[in-house]
Amino acid sequence: MVKIGYKLMSEEHGPAELVCNAKRAEEAGFDFAAISDHFFPWLAEQGHAPFAWSVLGAIAHGTRRMGLMTAVTCPIMRYHPAIIAQAAATMGVLSGDRFTLALGAGERLNEHVVGAGWPGVAERHERLEEAVDIIQGLLTGKMTNFRGEHFRLDHAKLFDRPRRKPEVVLAAGGPDAAKLAADKADGLIVTEAKKELVGAYDSAGGSGPRYAEIALCCAPTEAEGRKTAHRYFRWSLSGWPVLAELPTEEAFAAASEQVSVDAVGKAVSCGPAPEHHLEAIEKYTAVGCDHIILNQIGPDQDYFFELAEMKILPALRGKKAA
């Protein structure tokens, strides 16, 4: 059955608000919540970038049933993978085995802050592969030392591990990354409804959950939703080849300056009609995604929760992915 998640957009909400939003999502009936892990917002208008792991700890204490996850954490520059393994294990303990770790190759926007430069795509993928090996090895208790091209591990051990190893899922923007998810991770996460991504994961032997993140802007009118989505989400239309490379929120503002309200409205489901939002979700379940993360754009989360609780979640209950 399809499980429905709520996106904790740390670029748009402060830490206390994120905790409140997570509690509201649990009350509304969401199956899990996924938090972004950023050092910067994409745009200055978004206005926030709290430390995701501190927020996750507070949410673990403030919720009881709902699963929690990152979406996604980059373990190749800003964090050493051993630190992420420790953080994931601690979250598994604090949440009572409700935590999932989602990883990706990251963006220059967040990783450049440590002053180590920003490597090319090939090196980033090499780093990610090594990082996944280290994280999985530490979480299972089977690795203490590692010597790779990019990372070292010296006599490492996690003393606080949960009863169940947290699942590690991997973000994929192309078939090679999807195959890596099948080979080294416990699941897949995508942001585009491309059948070839899920197909590559399946053909490589992937059998875990298939996550997808979908941006919506539920609002009293379509025009209001489009305006809000444009203000806070126009950065996303550049596509990942651009999103991964720009260094600052000012650069994203410049890159998205010519993006129109209509262009954002065509890319994002906006307005009060639940059937439009359900159509956007159907594109992902149709290609085999079975864990859907809904990202309500903008400050009005109350309207979204009401629409989700009354219309969207009931329509999705019992639905199966293709």
C-alpha atoms as a PDB file:
ATOM      1  CA  MET A   1       0.000   0.000   0.000  1.00  0.00           C
ATOM      2  CA  VAL A   2       1.106   3.549  -0.679  1.00  0.00           C
ATOM      3  CA  LYS A   3       2.350   5.439   2.389  1.00  0.00           C
ATOM      4  CA  ILE A   4       2.022   9.222   2.533  1.00  0.00           C
ATOM      5  CA  GLY A   5       4.650  11.494   4.032  1.00  0.00           C
ATOM      6  CA  TYR A   6       4.817  15.183   4.882  1.00  0.00           C
ATOM      7  CA  LYS A   7       7.813  17.313   3.919  1.00  0.00           C
ATOM      8  CA  LEU A   8       9.349  19.361   6.703  1.00  0.00           C
ATOM      9  CA  MET A   9      10.777  22.131   4.548  1.00  0.00           C
ATOM     10  CA  SER A  10      13.562  23.486   6.750  1.00  0.00           C
ATOM     11  CA  GLU A  11      14.286  26.267   4.259  1.00  0.00           C
ATOM     12  CA  GLU A  12      10.810  27.770   4.810  1.00  0.00           C
ATOM     13  CA  HIS A  13      10.183  27.232   8.532  1.00  0.00           C
ATOM     14  CA  GLY A  14      12.089  27.808  11.749  1.00  0.00           C
ATOM     15  CA  PRO A  15      12.963  24.985  14.144  1.00  0.00           C
ATOM     16  CA  ALA A  16      10.049  25.402  16.579  1.00  0.00           C
ATOM     17  CA  GLU A  17       7.584  25.702  13.690  1.00  0.00           C
ATOM     18  CA  LEU A  18       8.941  22.532  12.107  1.00  0.00           C
ATOM     19  CA  VAL A  19       8.301  20.614  15.329  1.00  0.00           C
ATOM     20  CA  CYS A  20       4.733  21.962  15.453  1.00  0.00           C
ATOM     21  CA  ASN A  21       4.203  21.052  11.790  1.00  0.00           C
ATOM     22  CA  ALA A  22       5.414  17.510  12.439  1.00  0.00           C
ATOM     23  CA  LYS A  23       2.983  17.095  15.324  1.00  0.00           C
ATOM     24  CA  ARG A  24       0.166  18.422  13.143  1.00  0.00           C
ATOM     25  CA  ALA A  25       1.117  15.979  10.374  1.00  0.00           C
ATOM     26  CA  GLU A  26       0.897  13.069  12.804  1.00  0.00           C
ATOM     27  CA  GLU A  27      -2.511  14.255  13.993  1.00  0.00           C
ATOM     28  CA  ALA A  28      -3.696  14.549  10.388  1.00  0.00           C
ATOM     29  CA  GLY A  29      -2.784  10.918   9.721  1.00  0.00           C
ATOM     30  CA  PHE A  30       0.437  11.122   7.718  1.00  0.00           C
ATOM     31  CA  ASP A  31       2.504   7.950   7.846  1.00  0.00           C
ATOM     32  CA  PHE A  32       5.876   9.691   8.075  1.00  0.00           C
ATOM     33  CA  ALA A  33       7.623  13.066   7.856  1.00  0.00           C
ATOM     34  CA  ALA A  34      10.807  13.885   5.932  1.00  0.00           C
ATOM     35  CA  ILE A  35      13.057  16.865   6.675  1.00  0.00           C
ATOM     36  CA  SER A  36      15.429  18.656   4.312  1.00  0.00           C
ATOM     37  CA  ASP A  37      19.011  19.037   5.560  1.00  0.00           C
ATOM     38  CA  HIS A  38      20.369  22.427   4.434  1.00  0.00           C
ATOM     39  CA  PHE A  39      22.885  25.037   5.543  1.00  0.00           C
ATOM     40  CA  PHE A  40      21.217  27.692   3.334  1.00  0.00           C
ATOM     41  CA  PRO A  41      17.731  28.275   1.960  1.00  0.00           C
ATOM     42  CA  TRP A  42      17.429  28.161  -1.828  1.00  0.00           C
ATOM     43  CA  LEU A  43      16.117  31.751  -1.847  1.00  0.00           C
ATOM     44  CA  ALA A  44      16.353  34.550   0.713  1.00  0.00           C
ATOM     45  CA  GLU A  45      12.540  34.756   0.695  1.00  0.00           C
ATOM     46  CA  GLN A  46      12.378  31.331   2.304  1.00  0.00           C
ATOM     47  CA  GLY A  47      14.305  32.691   5.248  1.00  0.00           C
ATOM     48  CA  HIS A  48      15.370  29.619   7.265  1.00  0.00           C
ATOM     49  CA  ALA A  49      17.961  26.852   7.556  1.00  0.00           C
ATOM     50  CA  PRO A  50      18.003  25.322  11.071  1.00  0.00           C
ATOM     51  CA  PHE A  51      20.126  22.283  11.883  1.00  0.00           C
ATOM     52  CA  ALA A  52      17.974  19.373  10.777  1.00  0.00           C
ATOM     53  CA  TRP A  53      19.338  16.860  13.279  1.00  0.00           C
ATOM     54  CA  SER A  54      18.485  18.987  16.314  1.00  0.00           C
ATOM     55  CA  VAL A  55      14.968  19.438  14.949  1.00  0.00           C
ATOM     56  CA  LEU A  56      14.657  15.689  14.351  1.00  0.00           C
ATOM     57  CA  GLY A  57      15.530  14.990  17.988  1.00  0.00           C
ATOM     58  CA  ALA A  58      12.788  17.329  19.163  1.00  0.00           C
ATOM     59  CA  ILE A  59      10.298  15.765  16.747  1.00  0.00           C
ATOM     60  CA  ALA A  60      11.185  12.267  17.925  1.00  0.00           C
ATOM     61  CA  HIS A  61      10.311  13.384  21.453  1.00  0.00           C
ATOM     62  CA  GLY A  62       7.123  15.163  20.350  1.00  0.00           C
ATOM     63  CA  THR A  63       5.603  12.401  18.199  1.00  0.00           C
ATOM     64  CA  ARG A  64       4.693   8.790  18.888  1.00  0.00           C
ATOM     65  CA  ARG A  65       3.610   6.951  15.731  1.00  0.00           C
ATOM     66  CA  MET A  66       4.845   8.684  12.606  1.00  0.00           C
ATOM     67  CA  GLY A  67       8.023   7.616  10.818  1.00  0.00           C
ATOM     68  CA  LEU A  68      10.827  10.181  10.486  1.00  0.00           C
ATOM     69  CA  MET A  69      13.500  10.592   7.835  1.00  0.00           C
ATOM     70  CA  THR A  70      15.932  12.951   6.179  1.00  0.00           C
ATOM     71  CA  ALA A  71      15.220  13.945   2.575  1.00  0.00           C
ATOM     72  CA  VAL A  72      18.005  14.165   1.912  1.00  0.00           C
ATOM     73  CA  THR A  73      21.325  14.342   3.757  1.00  0.00           C
ATOM     74  CA  CYS A  74      24.594  14.721   1.877  1.00  0.00           C
ATOM     75  CA  PRO A  75      27.414  12.760   3.598  1.00  0.00           C
ATOM     76  CA  ILE A  76      30.291  13.654   1.258  1.00  0.00           C
ATOM     77  CA  MET A  77      31.614  17.104   2.295  1.00  0.00           C
ATOM     78  CA  ARG A  78      29.915  19.016   5.117  1.00  0.00           C
ATOM     79  CA  TYR A  79      29.566  15.835   7.148  1.00  0.00           C
ATOM     80  CA  HIS A  80      31.895  12.870   7.416  1.00  0.00           C
ATOM     81  CA  PRO A  81      29.836   9.699   6.846  1.00  0.00           C
ATOM     82  CA  ALA A  82      30.801   8.348  10.287  1.00  0.00           C
ATOM     83  CA  ILE A  83      29.059  11.341  11.885  1.00  0.00           C
ATOM     84  CA  ILE A  84      25.922  10.695   9.838  1.00  0.00           C
ATOM     85  CA  ALA A  85      25.970   7.037  10.875  1.00  0.00           C
ATOM     86  CA  GLN A  86      26.166   8.120  14.518  1.00  0.00           C
ATOM     87  CA  ALA A  87      23.345  10.627  14.030  1.00  0.00           C
ATOM     88  CA  ALA A  88      21.133   8.054  12.278  1.00  0.00           C
ATOM     89  CA  ALA A  89      21.738   5.462  14.995  1.00  0.00           C
ATOM     90  CA  THR A  90      20.912   7.994  17.724  1.00  0.00           C
ATOM     91  CA  MET A  91      17.724   8.973  15.901  1.00  0.00           C
ATOM     92  CA  GLY A  92      16.792   5.308  15.623  1.00  0.00           C
ATOM     93  CA  VAL A  93      17.112   4.967  19.403  1.00  0.00           C
ATOM     94  CA  LEU A  94      15.308   8.229  20.233  1.00  0.00           C
ATOM     95  CA  SER A  95      12.410   7.512  17.848  1.00  0.00           C
ATOM     96  CA  GLY A  96      11.931   3.891  18.851  1.00  0.00           C
ATOM     97  CA  ASP A  97      12.975   2.494  15.453  1.00  0.00           C
ATOM     98  CA  ARG A  98      10.957   5.022  13.446  1.00  0.00           C
ATOM     99  CA  PHE A  99      13.877   6.598  11.556  1.00  0.00           C
ATOM    100  CA  THR A 100      14.969   6.253   7.924  1.00  0.00           C
ATOM    101  CA  LEU A 101      18.134   7.854   6.519  1.00  0.00           C
ATOM    102  CA  ALA A 102      17.870   9.220   2.975  1.00  0.00           C
ATOM    103  CA  LEU A 103      21.150  10.219   1.331  1.00  0.00           C
ATOM    104  CA  GLY A 104      22.119  12.134  -1.795  1.00  0.00           C
ATOM    105  CA  ALA A 105      25.138  13.631  -3.540  1.00  0.00           C
ATOM    106  CA  GLY A 106      24.220  17.143  -2.402  1.00  0.00           C
ATOM    107  CA  GLU A 107      24.506  20.658  -3.770  1.00  0.00           C
ATOM    108  CA  ARG A 108      27.294  23.202  -3.762  1.00  0.00           C
ATOM    109  CA  LEU A 109      24.904  25.606  -1.998  1.00  0.00           C
ATOM    110  CA  ASN A 110      25.230  23.654   1.249  1.00  0.00           C
ATOM    111  CA  GLU A 111      28.547  21.836   0.989  1.00  0.00           C
ATOM    112  CA  HIS A 112      30.866  24.702   0.021  1.00  0.00           C
ATOM    113  CA  VAL A 113      30.720  26.168   3.532  1.00  0.00           C
ATOM    114  CA  VAL A 114      33.536  23.924   4.819  1.00  0.00           C
ATOM    115  CA  GLY A 115      35.945  25.481   2.310  1.00  0.00           C
ATOM    116  CA  ALA A 116      36.973  22.225   0.645  1.00  0.00           C
ATOM    117  CA  GLY A 117      35.779  23.186  -2.827  1.00  0.00           C
ATOM    118  CA  TRP A 118      33.057  21.467  -4.830  1.00  0.00           C
ATOM    119  CA  PRO A 119      34.152  18.426  -6.840  1.00  0.00           C
ATOM    120  CA  GLY A 120      32.822  17.361 -10.226  1.00  0.00           C
ATOM    121  CA  VAL A 121      29.955  14.924 -10.702  1.00  0.00           C
ATOM    122  CA  ALA A 122      32.142  11.827 -11.044  1.00  0.00           C
ATOM    123  CA  GLU A 123      33.991  12.488  -7.793  1.00  0.00           C
ATOM    124  CA  ARG A 124      30.772  13.331  -5.967  1.00  0.00           C
ATOM    125  CA  HIS A 125      29.336   9.953  -6.920  1.00  0.00           C
ATOM    126  CA  GLU A 126      32.543   8.194  -5.884  1.00  0.00           C
ATOM    127  CA  ARG A 127      32.364   9.945  -2.533  1.00  0.00           C
ATOM    128  CA  LEU A 128      28.708   9.015  -2.104  1.00  0.00           C
ATOM    129  CA  GLU A 129      29.396   5.352  -2.819  1.00  0.00           C
ATOM    130  CA  GLU A 130      32.168   5.243  -0.219  1.00  0.00           C
ATOM    131  CA  ALA A 131      29.992   7.135   2.260  1.00  0.00           C
ATOM    132  CA  VAL A 132      27.141   4.638   1.889  1.00  0.00           C
ATOM    133  CA  ASP A 133      29.551   1.751   2.530  1.00  0.00           C
ATOM    134  CA  ILE A 134      30.813   3.414   5.720  1.00  0.00           C
ATOM    135  CA  ILE A 135      27.338   4.306   6.991  1.00  0.00           C
ATOM    136  CA  GLN A 136      25.892   0.868   6.312  1.00  0.00           C
ATOM    137  CA  GLY A 137      28.944  -0.790   7.860  1.00  0.00           C
ATOM    138  CA  LEU A 138      28.746   1.245  11.054  1.00  0.00           C
ATOM    139  CA  LEU A 139      24.973   0.860  11.388  1.00  0.00           C
ATOM    140  CA  THR A 140      25.255  -2.914  11.125  1.00  0.00           C
ATOM    141  CA  GLY A 141      28.282  -3.024  13.434  1.00  0.00           C
ATOM    142  CA  LYS A 142      30.317  -4.850  10.795  1.00  0.00           C
ATOM    143  CA  MET A 143      32.843  -2.104   9.983  1.00  0.00           C
ATOM    144  CA  THR A 144      35.436  -0.391  12.154  1.00  0.00           C
ATOM    145  CA  ASN A 145      38.094   0.596   9.612  1.00  0.00           C
ATOM    146  CA  PHE A 146      37.903   1.834   6.029  1.00  0.00           C
ATOM    147  CA  ARG A 147      40.454   3.191   3.600  1.00  0.00           C
ATOM    148  CA  GLY A 148      39.018   4.497   0.350  1.00  0.00           C
ATOM    149  CA  GLU A 149      39.972   7.022  -2.274  1.00  0.00           C
ATOM    150  CA  HIS A 150      38.165   9.818  -0.455  1.00  0.00           C
ATOM    151  CA  PHE A 151      37.340   8.711   3.102  1.00  0.00           C
ATOM    152  CA  ARG A 152      39.113   7.043   6.002  1.00  0.00           C
ATOM    153  CA  LEU A 153      37.660   5.327   9.045  1.00  0.00           C
ATOM    154  CA  ASP A 154      39.899   4.498  11.993  1.00  0.00           C
ATOM    155  CA  HIS A 155      38.691   2.136  14.730  1.00  0.00           C
ATOM    156  CA  ALA A 156      35.121   3.451  14.679  1.00  0.00           C
ATOM    157  CA  LYS A 157      32.210   1.916  16.572  1.00  0.00           C
ATOM    158  CA  LEU A 158      28.673   3.029  17.415  1.00  0.00           C
ATOM    159  CA  PHE A 159      27.856   2.317  21.043  1.00  0.00           C
ATOM    160  CA  ASP A 160      24.201   3.387  20.818  1.00  0.00           C
ATOM    161  CA  ARG A 161      22.466   1.536  18.010  1.00  0.00           C
ATOM    162  CA  PRO A 162      18.723   0.917  17.718  1.00  0.00           C
ATOM    163  CA  ARG A 163      17.213  -2.571  17.787  1.00  0.00           C
ATOM    164  CA  ARG A 164      16.479  -2.286  14.056  1.00  0.00           C
ATOM    165  CA  LYS A 165      19.067  -0.867  11.696  1.00  0.00           C
ATOM    166  CA  PRO A 166      17.639   2.303  10.127  1.00  0.00           C
ATOM    167  CA  GLU A 167      16.897   1.829   6.452  1.00  0.00           C
ATOM    168  CA  VAL A 168      19.228   3.794   4.185  1.00  0.00           C
ATOM    169  CA  VAL A 169      17.620   5.042   0.980  1.00  0.00           C
ATOM    170  CA  LEU A 170      19.442   6.771  -1.852  1.00  0.00           C
ATOM    171  CA  ALA A 171      18.308   9.685  -4.024  1.00  0.00           C
ATOM    172  CA  ALA A 172      18.651   9.085  -7.756  1.00  0.00           C
ATOM    173  CA  GLY A 173      18.400  11.512 -10.652  1.00  0.00           C
ATOM    174  CA  GLY A 174      19.601   9.006 -13.263  1.00  0.00           C
ATOM    175  CA  PRO A 175      19.776   5.251 -13.933  1.00  0.00           C
ATOM    176  CA  ASP A 176      23.332   4.858 -12.581  1.00  0.00           C
ATOM    177  CA  ALA A 177      22.351   6.317  -9.211  1.00  0.00           C
ATOM    178  CA  ALA A 178      19.239   4.133  -9.177  1.00  0.00           C
ATOM    179  CA  LYS A 179      21.428   1.056  -9.732  1.00  0.00           C
ATOM    180  CA  LEU A 180      23.699   2.205  -6.893  1.00  0.00           C
ATOM    181  CA  ALA A 181      20.621   2.427  -4.655  1.00  0.00           C
ATOM    182  CA  ALA A 182      19.735  -1.148  -5.557  1.00  0.00           C
ATOM    183  CA  ASP A 183      23.271  -2.355  -4.898  1.00  0.00           C
ATOM    184  CA  LYS A 184      24.183  -0.559  -1.671  1.00  0.00           C
ATOM    185  CA  ALA A 185      21.059   0.979  -0.126  1.00  0.00           C
ATOM    186  CA  ASP A 186      17.733  -0.247   1.235  1.00  0.00           C
ATOM    187  CA  GLY A 187      15.495   1.917  -0.954  1.00  0.00           C
ATOM    188  CA  LEU A 188      15.207   4.611  -3.611  1.00  0.00           C
ATOM    189  CA  ILE A 189      14.040   8.236  -3.613  1.00  0.00           C
ATOM    190  CA  VAL A 190      13.233  10.314  -6.721  1.00  0.00           C
ATOM    191  CA  THR A 191      11.899  13.788  -7.484  1.00  0.00           C
ATOM    192  CA  GLU A 192      10.838  13.119 -11.063  1.00  0.00           C
ATOM    193  CA  ALA A 193       8.171  10.688 -12.288  1.00  0.00           C
ATOM    194  CA  LYS A 194      10.508   8.844 -14.639  1.00  0.00           C
ATOM    195  CA  LYS A 195       9.726   5.187 -15.181  1.00  0.00           C
ATOM    196  CA  GLU A 196      13.321   4.528 -16.217  1.00  0.00           C
ATOM    197  CA  LEU A 197      14.581   5.415 -12.723  1.00  0.00           C
ATOM    198  CA  VAL A 198      12.352   2.905 -10.959  1.00  0.00           C
ATOM    199  CA  GLY A 199      12.998   0.447 -13.803  1.00  0.00           C
ATOM    200  CA  ALA A 200      16.766   0.739 -13.356  1.00  0.00           C
ATOM    201  CA  TYR A 201      16.364   0.192  -9.623  1.00  0.00           C
ATOM    202  CA  ASP A 202      14.192  -2.882 -10.174  1.00  0.00           C
ATOM    203  CA  SER A 203      16.399  -4.374 -12.898  1.00  0.00           C
ATOM    204  CA  ALA A 204      19.450  -4.051 -10.641  1.00  0.00           C
ATOM    205  CA  GLY A 205      17.729  -6.086  -7.947  1.00  0.00           C
ATOM    206  CA  GLY A 206      16.266  -3.273  -5.850  1.00  0.00           C
ATOM    207  CA  SER A 207      13.385  -4.483  -3.718  1.00  0.00           C
ATOM    208  CA  GLY A 208      13.007  -1.784  -1.076  1.00  0.00           C
ATOM    209  CA  PRO A 209      10.640   1.170  -0.761  1.00  0.00           C
ATOM    210  CA  ARG A 210      10.458   3.685  -3.596  1.00  0.00           C
ATOM    211  CA  TYR A 211      10.067   7.228  -2.301  1.00  0.00           C
ATOM    212  CA  ALA A 212       9.009  10.254  -4.341  1.00  0.00           C
ATOM    213  CA  GLU A 213       8.830  13.914  -3.342  1.00  0.00           C
ATOM    214  CA  ILE A 214       6.041  16.011  -4.858  1.00  0.00           C
ATOM    215  CA  ALA A 215       5.634  19.769  -4.470  1.00  0.00           C
ATOM    216  CA  LEU A 216       2.096  21.175  -4.102  1.00  0.00           C
ATOM    217  CA  CYS A 217       0.664  24.546  -3.176  1.00  0.00           C
ATOM    218  CA  CYS A 218      -2.782  24.025  -1.699  1.00  0.00           C
ATOM    219  CA  ALA A 219      -4.510  27.409  -1.480  1.00  0.00           C
ATOM    220  CA  PRO A 220      -8.028  28.924  -1.510  1.00  0.00           C
ATOM    221  CA  THR A 221      -7.606  29.871  -5.192  1.00  0.00           C
ATOM    222  CA  GLU A 222      -5.366  28.634  -7.981  1.00  0.00           C
ATOM    223  CA  ALA A 223      -4.081  32.169  -8.564  1.00  0.00           C
ATOM    224  CA  GLU A 224      -3.057  32.513  -4.925  1.00  0.00           C
ATOM    225  CA  GLY A 225      -1.356  29.117  -4.997  1.00  0.00           C
ATOM    226  CA  ARG A 226       0.590  29.992  -8.133  1.00  0.00           C
ATOM    227  CA  LYS A 227       1.728  33.299  -6.644  1.00  0.00           C
ATOM    228  CA  THR A 228       2.935  31.588  -3.475  1.00  0.00           C
ATOM    229  CA  ALA A 229       4.640  28.792  -5.385  1.00  0.00           C
ATOM    230  CA  HIS A 230       6.429  31.335  -7.562  1.00  0.00           C
ATOM    231  CA  ARG A 231       7.683  33.309  -4.562  1.00  0.00           C
ATOM    232  CA  TYR A 232       9.081  30.319  -2.681  1.00  0.00           C
ATOM    233  CA  PHE A 233       9.674  27.585  -5.258  1.00  0.00           C
ATOM    234  CA  ARG A 234      10.719  29.172  -8.568  1.00  0.00           C
ATOM    235  CA  TRP A 235      14.304  28.029  -7.925  1.00  0.00           C
ATOM    236  CA  SER A 236      13.311  24.408  -8.604  1.00  0.00           C
ATOM    237  CA  LEU A 237      12.589  24.890 -12.313  1.00  0.00           C
ATOM    238  CA  SER A 238      16.296  25.092 -13.160  1.00  0.00           C
ATOM    239  CA  GLY A 239      16.700  21.311 -12.864  1.00  0.00           C
ATOM    240  CA  TRP A 240      19.313  19.358 -10.900  1.00  0.00           C
ATOM    241  CA  PRO A 241      22.264  19.946 -13.264  1.00  0.00           C
ATOM    242  CA  VAL A 242      21.946  23.632 -12.295  1.00  0.00           C
ATOM    243  CA  LEU A 243      20.664  23.181  -8.727  1.00  0.00           C
ATOM    244  CA  ALA A 244      23.717  21.164  -7.755  1.00  0.00           C
ATOM    245  CA  GLU A 245      26.196  23.789  -8.947  1.00  0.00           C
ATOM    246  CA  LEU A 246      25.047  27.257  -7.817  1.00  0.00           C
ATOM    247  CA  PRO A 247      26.830  28.483  -4.674  1.00  0.00           C
ATOM    248  CA  THR A 248      24.491  30.956  -2.940  1.00  0.00           C
ATOM    249  CA  GLU A 249      20.879  31.996  -2.484  1.00  0.00           C
ATOM    250  CA  GLU A 250      21.728  35.157  -4.449  1.00  0.00           C
ATOM    251  CA  ALA A 251      22.795  32.986  -7.388  1.00  0.00           C
ATOM    252  CA  PHE A 252      19.495  31.099  -7.254  1.00  0.00           C
ATOM    253  CA  ALA A 253      17.632  34.406  -7.197  1.00  0.00           C
ATOM    254  CA  ALA A 254      19.483  35.541 -10.305  1.00  0.00           C
ATOM    255  CA  ALA A 255      19.024  32.199 -12.078  1.00  0.00           C
ATOM    256  CA  SER A 256      15.271  32.214 -11.439  1.00  0.00           C
ATOM    257  CA  GLU A 257      14.664  35.928 -12.098  1.00  0.00           C
ATOM    258  CA  GLN A 258      13.019  35.281 -15.476  1.00  0.00           C
ATOM    259  CA  VAL A 259      10.884  32.336 -14.313  1.00  0.00           C
ATOM    260  CA  SER A 260       7.235  33.353 -14.646  1.00  0.00           C
ATOM    261  CA  VAL A 261       4.283  32.654 -12.376  1.00  0.00           C
ATOM    262  CA  ASP A 262       2.673  30.685 -15.210  1.00  0.00           C
ATOM    263  CA  ALA A 263       5.765  28.502 -15.627  1.00  0.00           C
ATOM    264  CA  VAL A 264       5.734  27.591 -11.940  1.00  0.00           C
ATOM    265  CA  GLY A 265       1.986  27.009 -12.096  1.00  0.00           C
ATOM    266  CA  LYS A 266       2.451  24.497 -14.888  1.00  0.00           C
ATOM    267  CA  ALA A 267       5.123  22.618 -12.951  1.00  0.00           C
ATOM    268  CA  VAL A 268       3.400  22.642  -9.538  1.00  0.00           C
ATOM    269  CA  SER A 269      -0.156  21.607  -8.678  1.00  0.00           C
ATOM    270  CA  CYS A 270      -1.766  24.718  -7.159  1.00  0.00           C
ATOM    271  CA  GLY A 271      -5.129  25.675  -5.698  1.00  0.00           C
ATOM    272  CA  PRO A 272      -8.039  24.201  -3.735  1.00  0.00           C
ATOM    273  CA  ALA A 273      -9.037  21.279  -5.995  1.00  0.00           C
ATOM    274  CA  PRO A 274      -7.960  17.944  -4.445  1.00  0.00           C
ATOM    275  CA  GLU A 275      -8.407  16.166  -7.780  1.00  0.00           C
ATOM    276  CA  HIS A 276      -5.600  18.252  -9.291  1.00  0.00           C
ATOM    277  CA  HIS A 277      -3.244  17.329  -6.463  1.00  0.00           C
ATOM    278  CA  LEU A 278      -4.252  13.678  -6.719  1.00  0.00           C
ATOM    279  CA  GLU A 279      -3.441  13.761 -10.446  1.00  0.00           C
ATOM    280  CA  ALA A 280       0.057  15.030  -9.616  1.00  0.00           C
ATOM    281  CA  ILE A 281       0.504  12.209  -7.105  1.00  0.00           C
ATOM    282  CA  GLU A 282      -0.805   9.620  -9.590  1.00  0.00           C
ATOM    283  CA  LYS A 283       2.095  10.355 -11.944  1.00  0.00           C
ATOM    284  CA  TYR A 284       4.454   8.946  -9.320  1.00  0.00           C
ATOM    285  CA  THR A 285       2.419   5.984  -8.121  1.00  0.00           C
ATOM    286  CA  ALA A 286       1.935   5.037 -11.795  1.00  0.00           C
ATOM    287  CA  VAL A 287       5.699   4.510 -12.206  1.00  0.00           C
ATOM    288  CA  GLY A 288       5.932   2.404  -9.062  1.00  0.00           C
ATOM    289  CA  CYS A 289       6.603   4.846  -6.202  1.00  0.00           C
ATOM    290  CA  ASP A 290       5.004   3.581  -2.993  1.00  0.00           C
ATOM    291  CA  HIS A 291       6.104   6.237  -0.452  1.00  0.00           C
ATOM    292  CA  ILE A 292       4.893   9.729  -1.431  1.00  0.00           C
ATOM    293  CA  ILE A 293       6.280  12.837   0.309  1.00  0.00           C
ATOM    294  CA  LEU A 294       3.993  15.873  -0.084  1.00  0.00           C
ATOM    295  CA  ASN A 295       5.720  19.259   0.090  1.00  0.00           C
ATOM    296  CA  GLN A 296       3.280  22.088   0.775  1.00  0.00           C
ATOM    297  CA  ILE A 297       4.985  25.237  -0.517  1.00  0.00           C
ATOM    298  CA  GLY A 298       4.791  28.431   1.507  1.00  0.00           C
ATOM    299  CA  PRO A 299       3.756  29.522   5.008  1.00  0.00           C
ATOM    300  CA  ASP A 300       0.101  28.373   4.917  1.00  0.00           C
ATOM    301  CA  GLN A 301       0.403  24.858   6.258  1.00  0.00           C
ATOM    302  CA  ASP A 302      -3.006  24.945   7.990  1.00  0.00           C
ATOM    303  CA  TYR A 303      -4.921  25.050   4.703  1.00  0.00           C
ATOM    304  CA  PHE A 304      -2.867  22.144   3.426  1.00  0.00           C
ATOM    305  CA  PHE A 305      -3.436  20.019   6.526  1.00  0.00           C
ATOM    306  CA  GLU A 306      -7.187  20.596   6.369  1.00  0.00           C
ATOM    307  CA  LEU A 307      -7.361  19.640   2.688  1.00  0.00           C
ATOM    308  CA  ALA A 308      -5.069  16.654   3.203  1.00  0.00           C
ATOM    309  CA  GLU A 309      -6.998  15.360   6.201  1.00  0.00           C
ATOM    310  CA  MET A 310     -10.428  15.790   4.607  1.00  0.00           C
ATOM    311  CA  LYS A 311      -9.770  14.942   0.952  1.00  0.00           C
ATOM    312  CA  ILE A 312      -6.274  13.912  -0.118  1.00  0.00           C
ATOM    313  CA  LEU A 313      -5.344  11.288   2.480  1.00  0.00           C
ATOM    314  CA  PRO A 314      -8.740   9.507   2.398  1.00  0.00           C
ATOM    315  CA  ALA A 315      -8.503   9.278  -1.427  1.00  0.00           C
ATOM    316  CA  LEU A 316      -5.078   7.657  -1.161  1.00  0.00           C
ATOM    317  CA  ARG A 317      -5.866   5.153   1.614  1.00  0.00           C
ATOM    318  CA  GLY A 318      -5.575   1.621   0.323  1.00  0.00           C
ATOM    319  CA  LYS A 319      -4.046   2.717  -2.985  1.00  0.00           C
ATOM    320  CA  LYS A 320      -1.342   0.529  -4.492  1.00  0.00           C
ATOM    321  CA  ALA A 321       1.607   1.662  -6.570  1.00  0.00           C
ATOM    322  CA  ALA A 322       1.858   0.295 -10.113  1.00  0.00           C
END
